[in-house]
Structures are given as C-alpha cells and as structure tokens.
Amino acid sequence: MVLFRSALVSDARNLSHLAFESEQYLGYDPDYMRTFSDYYNVTEAFVRQHLVYIMEETGKMLGFWGLCETETIWELEFFYISPEYIGKGYGRNLWNNLIAECHKRGIVEFQLVTSPQSVQFYEKMGAEIIGQVESLIVKGRMIPQLKFSL
C-alpha cells in the first residue's frame, strides 16, 4: 500500500540520492550528473523550510516532491520517482498527492522547470508551457518552464 508522509530532516540525503538516480535514468552523461548533484541536492534546510512529501510502500521510498514559496510564486523544486517505478502510474499518484496538499493549503498555482524529456508527463497532468529558462547545469541550454493552475 502506497503511503505519503512529510519528509524529515533525516531524509534529506536519501532524497538527494533518489533525485540523482531519477535524473540519471534520463540518460545524462557523468559530467552533467556531477553538476546536477551540485545544484539539486535536497538539503536539511530545504526540508525544514519547505513542503516536502515522500511516497513510500512498505518502508521503501518510491518518490518525493518539494514545493517552495518564493517572494512572488510557488515553485515545484523537486518531483522525482525512483527509476524502477517510472512509467507504472506512481508519478500520477505522487502528482495527485501534490495537488491535494496544494488544495489543503490554498495554493492555487505553481511553476516548475523541467527537462525536455519530462514535459509530456507534466502536460498530461495539466501543466502548460509558459516559456524557457537557462539551465543551471548546462550554460546556454534552454529548458521548459511550466505553470500549473488548480
């Protein structure tokens, strides 16, 4: 049975590892992945200060999301599924948990940036492309920016 829970500070390292494995699943080279690790670590401070939820089954971490509020907007900073669960409906499950939490908290819209390979998933969930931003990992590479309205 799949369960959802708020992340604990002690989960940060495991969340970073899961994010790395999930991103690596997309086929990026080792140089890209080293830089990814520098920019997309889930820190204890992030877990302490923002909304981070974990999807588990029998104690195994299957995926997680992390949402943060900036001065002007909410941003989906993390949304990752463990590679062995990609394409099996767990992403939709995790997304539904994210949306339910947004409803509970009165969050009516958020933005995200993602890899081109993941755009189709987010569009299926109802997000729309609103532009492009420069990648933090590969200078000069433009990646999709999306918005989701509840």
C-alpha atoms as a PDB file:
ATOM      1  CA  MET A   1       0.000   0.000   0.000  1.00  0.00           C
ATOM      2  CA  VAL A   2       1.349   3.396  -1.017  1.00  0.00           C
ATOM      3  CA  LEU A   3       1.571   5.973   1.765  1.00  0.00           C
ATOM      4  CA  PHE A   4       2.527   9.642   1.818  1.00  0.00           C
ATOM      5  CA  ARG A   5       4.266  11.481   4.628  1.00  0.00           C
ATOM      6  CA  SER A   6       6.045  14.742   5.280  1.00  0.00           C
ATOM      7  CA  ALA A   7       9.788  14.433   4.848  1.00  0.00           C
ATOM      8  CA  LEU A   8      12.008  14.558   7.902  1.00  0.00           C
ATOM      9  CA  VAL A   9      15.317  16.390   8.030  1.00  0.00           C
ATOM     10  CA  SER A  10      16.953  12.970   8.345  1.00  0.00           C
ATOM     11  CA  ASP A  11      15.518  12.026   4.898  1.00  0.00           C
ATOM     12  CA  ALA A  12      17.492  14.711   3.026  1.00  0.00           C
ATOM     13  CA  ARG A  13      20.428  12.538   1.972  1.00  0.00           C
ATOM     14  CA  ASN A  14      18.158   9.726   0.712  1.00  0.00           C
ATOM     15  CA  LEU A  15      16.028  12.246  -1.195  1.00  0.00           C
ATOM     16  CA  SER A  16      19.125  13.650  -2.909  1.00  0.00           C
ATOM     17  CA  HIS A  17      20.156  10.119  -3.864  1.00  0.00           C
ATOM     18  CA  LEU A  18      16.699   9.339  -5.272  1.00  0.00           C
ATOM     19  CA  ALA A  19      16.708  12.608  -7.294  1.00  0.00           C
ATOM     20  CA  PHE A  20      20.140  11.754  -8.704  1.00  0.00           C
ATOM     21  CA  GLU A  21      19.085   8.245  -9.753  1.00  0.00           C
ATOM     22  CA  SER A  22      15.871   9.511 -11.307  1.00  0.00           C
ATOM     23  CA  GLU A  23      17.683  12.216 -13.302  1.00  0.00           C
ATOM     24  CA  GLN A  24      20.378   9.745 -14.358  1.00  0.00           C
ATOM     25  CA  TYR A  25      17.618   7.483 -15.709  1.00  0.00           C
ATOM     26  CA  LEU A  26      17.102  10.112 -18.441  1.00  0.00           C
ATOM     27  CA  GLY A  27      20.498   9.177 -19.894  1.00  0.00           C
ATOM     28  CA  TYR A  28      22.655  12.166 -18.996  1.00  0.00           C
ATOM     29  CA  ASP A  29      26.453  11.857 -19.106  1.00  0.00           C
ATOM     30  CA  PRO A  30      28.666  11.778 -15.976  1.00  0.00           C
ATOM     31  CA  ASP A  31      29.730  15.447 -16.297  1.00  0.00           C
ATOM     32  CA  TYR A  32      26.103  16.558 -16.382  1.00  0.00           C
ATOM     33  CA  MET A  33      25.283  14.378 -13.387  1.00  0.00           C
ATOM     34  CA  ARG A  34      28.192  15.788 -11.326  1.00  0.00           C
ATOM     35  CA  THR A  35      26.897  19.302 -11.926  1.00  0.00           C
ATOM     36  CA  PHE A  36      23.334  18.141 -11.243  1.00  0.00           C
ATOM     37  CA  SER A  37      24.483  16.915  -7.813  1.00  0.00           C
ATOM     38  CA  ASP A  38      25.899  20.359  -7.038  1.00  0.00           C
ATOM     39  CA  TYR A  39      22.671  22.194  -7.850  1.00  0.00           C
ATOM     40  CA  TYR A  40      19.924  19.740  -6.946  1.00  0.00           C
ATOM     41  CA  ASN A  41      20.857  18.403  -3.548  1.00  0.00           C
ATOM     42  CA  VAL A  42      17.964  18.190  -1.129  1.00  0.00           C
ATOM     43  CA  THR A  43      19.373  19.882   1.945  1.00  0.00           C
ATOM     44  CA  GLU A  44      18.218  19.581   5.521  1.00  0.00           C
ATOM     45  CA  ALA A  45      17.418  23.303   5.388  1.00  0.00           C
ATOM     46  CA  PHE A  46      15.175  22.777   2.345  1.00  0.00           C
ATOM     47  CA  VAL A  47      13.265  20.026   4.125  1.00  0.00           C
ATOM     48  CA  ARG A  48      12.941  22.177   7.243  1.00  0.00           C
ATOM     49  CA  GLN A  49      11.743  25.289   5.413  1.00  0.00           C
ATOM     50  CA  HIS A  50       9.522  23.961   2.602  1.00  0.00           C
ATOM     51  CA  LEU A  51       6.819  21.438   1.777  1.00  0.00           C
ATOM     52  CA  VAL A  52       8.421  18.073   1.043  1.00  0.00           C
ATOM     53  CA  TYR A  53       6.396  14.870   0.818  1.00  0.00           C
ATOM     54  CA  ILE A  54       7.579  11.318   0.341  1.00  0.00           C
ATOM     55  CA  MET A  55       5.703   8.446  -1.296  1.00  0.00           C
ATOM     56  CA  GLU A  56       6.533   5.089   0.304  1.00  0.00           C
ATOM     57  CA  GLU A  57       5.458   1.489   0.076  1.00  0.00           C
ATOM     58  CA  THR A  58       6.360  -0.954   2.848  1.00  0.00           C
ATOM     59  CA  GLY A  59       9.005   1.480   4.079  1.00  0.00           C
ATOM     60  CA  LYS A  60      10.678   1.903   0.656  1.00  0.00           C
ATOM     61  CA  MET A  61      10.955   5.432  -0.713  1.00  0.00           C
ATOM     62  CA  LEU A  62       9.334   5.469  -4.183  1.00  0.00           C
ATOM     63  CA  GLY A  63       9.338   9.182  -4.928  1.00  0.00           C
ATOM     64  CA  PHE A  64       9.007  12.663  -3.493  1.00  0.00           C
ATOM     65  CA  TRP A  65       8.117  16.232  -4.279  1.00  0.00           C
ATOM     66  CA  GLY A  66       9.292  19.551  -2.837  1.00  0.00           C
ATOM     67  CA  LEU A  67       7.394  22.830  -3.178  1.00  0.00           C
ATOM     68  CA  CYS A  68       8.719  26.195  -2.063  1.00  0.00           C
ATOM     69  CA  GLU A  69       7.316  29.687  -1.929  1.00  0.00           C
ATOM     70  CA  THR A  70       9.419  32.497  -3.324  1.00  0.00           C
ATOM     71  CA  GLU A  71       8.601  36.185  -2.939  1.00  0.00           C
ATOM     72  CA  THR A  72       6.159  36.063  -5.835  1.00  0.00           C
ATOM     73  CA  ILE A  73       5.240  32.455  -6.715  1.00  0.00           C
ATOM     74  CA  TRP A  74       5.163  28.853  -5.573  1.00  0.00           C
ATOM     75  CA  GLU A  75       7.736  26.654  -7.326  1.00  0.00           C
ATOM     76  CA  LEU A  76       7.873  22.891  -7.659  1.00  0.00           C
ATOM     77  CA  GLU A  77      11.569  22.449  -6.984  1.00  0.00           C
ATOM     78  CA  PHE A  78      11.656  18.636  -6.834  1.00  0.00           C
ATOM     79  CA  PHE A  79       9.470  15.902  -8.322  1.00  0.00           C
ATOM     80  CA  TYR A  80      11.205  12.562  -8.634  1.00  0.00           C
ATOM     81  CA  ILE A  81      10.267   8.905  -8.902  1.00  0.00           C
ATOM     82  CA  SER A  82      12.707   6.068  -8.252  1.00  0.00           C
ATOM     83  CA  PRO A  83      13.715   4.699 -11.696  1.00  0.00           C
ATOM     84  CA  GLU A  84      12.234   1.233 -11.188  1.00  0.00           C
ATOM     85  CA  TYR A  85       8.792   2.830 -10.681  1.00  0.00           C
ATOM     86  CA  ILE A  86       8.834   5.231 -13.653  1.00  0.00           C
ATOM     87  CA  GLY A  87       6.085   4.527 -16.170  1.00  0.00           C
ATOM     88  CA  LYS A  88       3.972   2.464 -13.763  1.00  0.00           C
ATOM     89  CA  GLY A  89       1.481   5.068 -12.537  1.00  0.00           C
ATOM     90  CA  TYR A  90       3.423   6.166  -9.463  1.00  0.00           C
ATOM     91  CA  GLY A  91       4.099   9.604 -10.946  1.00  0.00           C
ATOM     92  CA  ARG A  92       0.363  10.265 -11.229  1.00  0.00           C
ATOM     93  CA  ASN A  93      -0.064   9.063  -7.630  1.00  0.00           C
ATOM     94  CA  LEU A  94       2.654  11.437  -6.453  1.00  0.00           C
ATOM     95  CA  TRP A  95       1.183  14.279  -8.512  1.00  0.00           C
ATOM     96  CA  ASN A  96      -2.278  13.699  -7.003  1.00  0.00           C
ATOM     97  CA  ASN A  97      -0.740  13.960  -3.527  1.00  0.00           C
ATOM     98  CA  LEU A  98       0.942  17.240  -4.511  1.00  0.00           C
ATOM     99  CA  ILE A  99      -2.341  18.670  -5.800  1.00  0.00           C
ATOM    100  CA  ALA A 100      -4.259  17.516  -2.705  1.00  0.00           C
ATOM    101  CA  GLU A 101      -1.717  19.260  -0.456  1.00  0.00           C
ATOM    102  CA  CYS A 102      -1.967  22.409  -2.570  1.00  0.00           C
ATOM    103  CA  HIS A 103      -5.754  22.367  -2.196  1.00  0.00           C
ATOM    104  CA  LYS A 104      -5.467  21.960   1.595  1.00  0.00           C
ATOM    105  CA  ARG A 105      -3.093  24.913   1.834  1.00  0.00           C
ATOM    106  CA  GLY A 106      -4.894  27.232  -0.588  1.00  0.00           C
ATOM    107  CA  ILE A 107      -2.106  27.150  -3.177  1.00  0.00           C
ATOM    108  CA  VAL A 108      -3.812  27.878  -6.498  1.00  0.00           C
ATOM    109  CA  GLU A 109      -0.843  27.909  -8.863  1.00  0.00           C
ATOM    110  CA  PHE A 110       2.795  26.895  -9.074  1.00  0.00           C
ATOM    111  CA  GLN A 111       5.570  26.900 -11.648  1.00  0.00           C
ATOM    112  CA  LEU A 112       8.321  24.451 -12.466  1.00  0.00           C
ATOM    113  CA  VAL A 113      11.219  23.957 -14.827  1.00  0.00           C
ATOM    114  CA  THR A 114      11.984  20.521 -16.154  1.00  0.00           C
ATOM    115  CA  SER A 115      13.980  18.509 -18.635  1.00  0.00           C
ATOM    116  CA  PRO A 116      12.559  18.286 -22.162  1.00  0.00           C
ATOM    117  CA  GLN A 117      12.090  14.529 -21.591  1.00  0.00           C
ATOM    118  CA  SER A 118       9.631  15.175 -18.740  1.00  0.00           C
ATOM    119  CA  VAL A 119       7.426  17.830 -20.368  1.00  0.00           C
ATOM    120  CA  GLN A 120       4.945  15.288 -21.701  1.00  0.00           C
ATOM    121  CA  PHE A 121       4.237  13.970 -18.187  1.00  0.00           C
ATOM    122  CA  TYR A 122       3.563  17.440 -16.792  1.00  0.00           C
ATOM    123  CA  GLU A 123       1.358  18.384 -19.733  1.00  0.00           C
ATOM    124  CA  LYS A 124      -0.647  15.176 -19.159  1.00  0.00           C
ATOM    125  CA  MET A 125      -1.115  16.311 -15.571  1.00  0.00           C
ATOM    126  CA  GLY A 126      -2.484  19.649 -16.817  1.00  0.00           C
ATOM    127  CA  ALA A 127       0.543  21.947 -16.705  1.00  0.00           C
ATOM    128  CA  GLU A 128       1.201  24.284 -19.602  1.00  0.00           C
ATOM    129  CA  ILE A 129       4.462  25.581 -21.043  1.00  0.00           C
ATOM    130  CA  ILE A 130       4.881  29.298 -20.381  1.00  0.00           C
ATOM    131  CA  GLY A 131       8.417  29.785 -21.655  1.00  0.00           C
ATOM    132  CA  GLN A 132      12.002  28.680 -21.311  1.00  0.00           C
ATOM    133  CA  VAL A 133      14.778  29.440 -18.859  1.00  0.00           C
ATOM    134  CA  GLU A 134      18.501  28.807 -18.962  1.00  0.00           C
ATOM    135  CA  SER A 135      19.585  25.555 -17.349  1.00  0.00           C
ATOM    136  CA  LEU A 136      21.636  25.854 -14.176  1.00  0.00           C
ATOM    137  CA  ILE A 137      23.552  22.768 -15.251  1.00  0.00           C
ATOM    138  CA  VAL A 138      24.407  23.482 -18.893  1.00  0.00           C
ATOM    139  CA  LYS A 139      25.025  27.157 -19.617  1.00  0.00           C
ATOM    140  CA  GLY A 140      23.267  28.270 -22.782  1.00  0.00           C
ATOM    141  CA  ARG A 141      20.848  25.307 -22.763  1.00  0.00           C
ATOM    142  CA  MET A 142      17.239  26.417 -22.581  1.00  0.00           C
ATOM    143  CA  ILE A 143      14.772  24.209 -20.708  1.00  0.00           C
ATOM    144  CA  PRO A 144      10.965  24.365 -20.468  1.00  0.00           C
ATOM    145  CA  GLN A 145       9.208  26.385 -17.789  1.00  0.00           C
ATOM    146  CA  LEU A 146       5.654  25.326 -16.981  1.00  0.00           C
ATOM    147  CA  LYS A 147       2.748  26.545 -14.886  1.00  0.00           C
ATOM    148  CA  PHE A 148       0.026  24.530 -13.216  1.00  0.00           C
ATOM    149  CA  SER A 149      -3.218  26.160 -12.066  1.00  0.00           C
ATOM    150  CA  LEU A 150      -5.536  24.307  -9.714  1.00  0.00           C
END
